[in-house]
Amino acid sequence: MNSTKSPRWVPRAVVCSRYKTTDRTIDRWIDAGKFPPPQVIGVNTFRWNLNVLDEYDADPDGWKEQHATGQITEQSKLDV
């Protein structure tokens, strides 16, 4: 069964709280390719898709491997 979830957008403060870390650490993880980057959803508005964070949480190493090799998940195809 292939169910598509609608994006649920969360701001940086929620992401920092969820992972119990700082803005700067999130930025370092993103720069290193170890964490999903936010998406632009409006003028100067960046948010994380909660579905992508859930996918990351389910298998962080798998997520990193997929994105390091340039593979695209079904969810990321929908986010474009």
C-alpha atoms as a PDB file:
ATOM      1  CA  MET A   1       0.000   0.000   0.000  1.00  0.00           C
ATOM      2  CA  ASN A   2       1.446   3.341  -1.049  1.00  0.00           C
ATOM      3  CA  SER A   3      -0.008   6.107   1.104  1.00  0.00           C
ATOM      4  CA  THR A   4       1.080   9.655   0.480  1.00  0.00           C
ATOM      5  CA  LYS A   5       1.078  11.974   3.454  1.00  0.00           C
ATOM      6  CA  SER A   6       0.484  15.681   3.144  1.00  0.00           C
ATOM      7  CA  PRO A   7       3.417  17.792   4.328  1.00  0.00           C
ATOM      8  CA  ARG A   8       3.276  18.997   7.910  1.00  0.00           C
ATOM      9  CA  TRP A   9       5.626  21.974   8.175  1.00  0.00           C
ATOM     10  CA  VAL A  10       7.557  22.734  11.360  1.00  0.00           C
ATOM     11  CA  PRO A  11       9.858  25.675  12.141  1.00  0.00           C
ATOM     12  CA  ARG A  12      13.484  25.547  13.280  1.00  0.00           C
ATOM     13  CA  ALA A  13      12.576  25.986  16.962  1.00  0.00           C
ATOM     14  CA  VAL A  14      10.486  22.802  16.864  1.00  0.00           C
ATOM     15  CA  VAL A  15      13.309  20.911  15.128  1.00  0.00           C
ATOM     16  CA  CYS A  16      15.844  22.103  17.708  1.00  0.00           C
ATOM     17  CA  SER A  17      13.525  21.087  20.526  1.00  0.00           C
ATOM     18  CA  ARG A  18      12.783  17.700  18.947  1.00  0.00           C
ATOM     19  CA  TYR A  19      16.497  16.865  18.685  1.00  0.00           C
ATOM     20  CA  LYS A  20      17.493  18.716  21.872  1.00  0.00           C
ATOM     21  CA  THR A  21      20.162  20.768  20.154  1.00  0.00           C
ATOM     22  CA  THR A  22      20.958  24.291  18.937  1.00  0.00           C
ATOM     23  CA  ASP A  23      20.417  26.125  15.647  1.00  0.00           C
ATOM     24  CA  ARG A  24      24.122  25.974  14.899  1.00  0.00           C
ATOM     25  CA  THR A  25      24.328  22.222  15.441  1.00  0.00           C
ATOM     26  CA  ILE A  26      21.394  21.674  13.071  1.00  0.00           C
ATOM     27  CA  ASP A  27      23.239  23.805  10.491  1.00  0.00           C
ATOM     28  CA  ARG A  28      26.436  21.769  10.938  1.00  0.00           C
ATOM     29  CA  TRP A  29      24.534  18.496  10.524  1.00  0.00           C
ATOM     30  CA  ILE A  30      22.909  19.811   7.338  1.00  0.00           C
ATOM     31  CA  ASP A  31      26.248  21.062   5.966  1.00  0.00           C
ATOM     32  CA  ALA A  32      27.775  17.633   6.633  1.00  0.00           C
ATOM     33  CA  GLY A  33      24.879  15.867   4.865  1.00  0.00           C
ATOM     34  CA  LYS A  34      23.817  14.207   8.087  1.00  0.00           C
ATOM     35  CA  PHE A  35      20.403  15.828   8.477  1.00  0.00           C
ATOM     36  CA  PRO A  36      17.523  16.811   6.182  1.00  0.00           C
ATOM     37  CA  PRO A  37      17.640  20.477   5.167  1.00  0.00           C
ATOM     38  CA  PRO A  38      14.579  22.701   5.447  1.00  0.00           C
ATOM     39  CA  GLN A  39      12.553  23.589   2.390  1.00  0.00           C
ATOM     40  CA  VAL A  40      11.599  27.045   1.207  1.00  0.00           C
ATOM     41  CA  ILE A  41       7.840  27.337   1.497  1.00  0.00           C
ATOM     42  CA  GLY A  42       7.562  31.091   1.025  1.00  0.00           C
ATOM     43  CA  VAL A  43       9.533  34.297   0.854  1.00  0.00           C
ATOM     44  CA  ASN A  44      12.191  33.990   3.576  1.00  0.00           C
ATOM     45  CA  THR A  45      10.243  31.093   5.083  1.00  0.00           C
ATOM     46  CA  PHE A  46      12.035  27.803   5.676  1.00  0.00           C
ATOM     47  CA  ARG A  47      10.361  24.806   7.268  1.00  0.00           C
ATOM     48  CA  TRP A  48      10.990  21.103   7.713  1.00  0.00           C
ATOM     49  CA  ASN A  49       8.491  18.569   6.472  1.00  0.00           C
ATOM     50  CA  LEU A  50       7.640  16.520   9.544  1.00  0.00           C
ATOM     51  CA  ASN A  51       7.153  13.441   7.346  1.00  0.00           C
ATOM     52  CA  VAL A  52      10.777  13.723   6.198  1.00  0.00           C
ATOM     53  CA  LEU A  53      11.953  14.044   9.809  1.00  0.00           C
ATOM     54  CA  ASP A  54       9.926  10.942  10.703  1.00  0.00           C
ATOM     55  CA  GLU A  55      11.575   9.105   7.796  1.00  0.00           C
ATOM     56  CA  TYR A  56      14.980  10.279   9.051  1.00  0.00           C
ATOM     57  CA  ASP A  57      14.187   9.171  12.625  1.00  0.00           C
ATOM     58  CA  ALA A  58      13.102   5.723  11.457  1.00  0.00           C
ATOM     59  CA  ASP A  59      16.469   5.063   9.783  1.00  0.00           C
ATOM     60  CA  PRO A  60      19.058   7.867  10.103  1.00  0.00           C
ATOM     61  CA  ASP A  61      21.873   5.826   8.549  1.00  0.00           C
ATOM     62  CA  GLY A  62      19.651   4.760   5.659  1.00  0.00           C
ATOM     63  CA  TRP A  63      18.559   8.355   5.102  1.00  0.00           C
ATOM     64  CA  LYS A  64      22.169   9.560   5.064  1.00  0.00           C
ATOM     65  CA  GLU A  65      23.181   6.796   2.673  1.00  0.00           C
ATOM     66  CA  GLN A  66      20.298   7.518   0.281  1.00  0.00           C
ATOM     67  CA  HIS A  67      21.009  11.214   0.180  1.00  0.00           C
ATOM     68  CA  ALA A  68      24.775  10.837  -0.023  1.00  0.00           C
ATOM     69  CA  THR A  69      24.420   8.695  -3.145  1.00  0.00           C
ATOM     70  CA  GLY A  70      21.860  11.016  -4.717  1.00  0.00           C
ATOM     71  CA  GLN A  71      18.971   8.555  -4.485  1.00  0.00           C
ATOM     72  CA  ILE A  72      15.589  10.142  -4.092  1.00  0.00           C
ATOM     73  CA  THR A  73      12.809   8.861  -1.851  1.00  0.00           C
ATOM     74  CA  GLU A  74       9.163   8.812  -2.840  1.00  0.00           C
ATOM     75  CA  GLN A  75       8.441  11.564  -0.325  1.00  0.00           C
ATOM     76  CA  SER A  76      11.177  13.851  -1.621  1.00  0.00           C
ATOM     77  CA  LYS A  77       9.769  13.489  -5.161  1.00  0.00           C
ATOM     78  CA  LEU A  78       6.486  14.875  -3.849  1.00  0.00           C
ATOM     79  CA  ASP A  79       8.181  17.731  -2.021  1.00  0.00           C
ATOM     80  CA  VAL A  80       9.711  19.197  -5.187  1.00  0.00           C
END
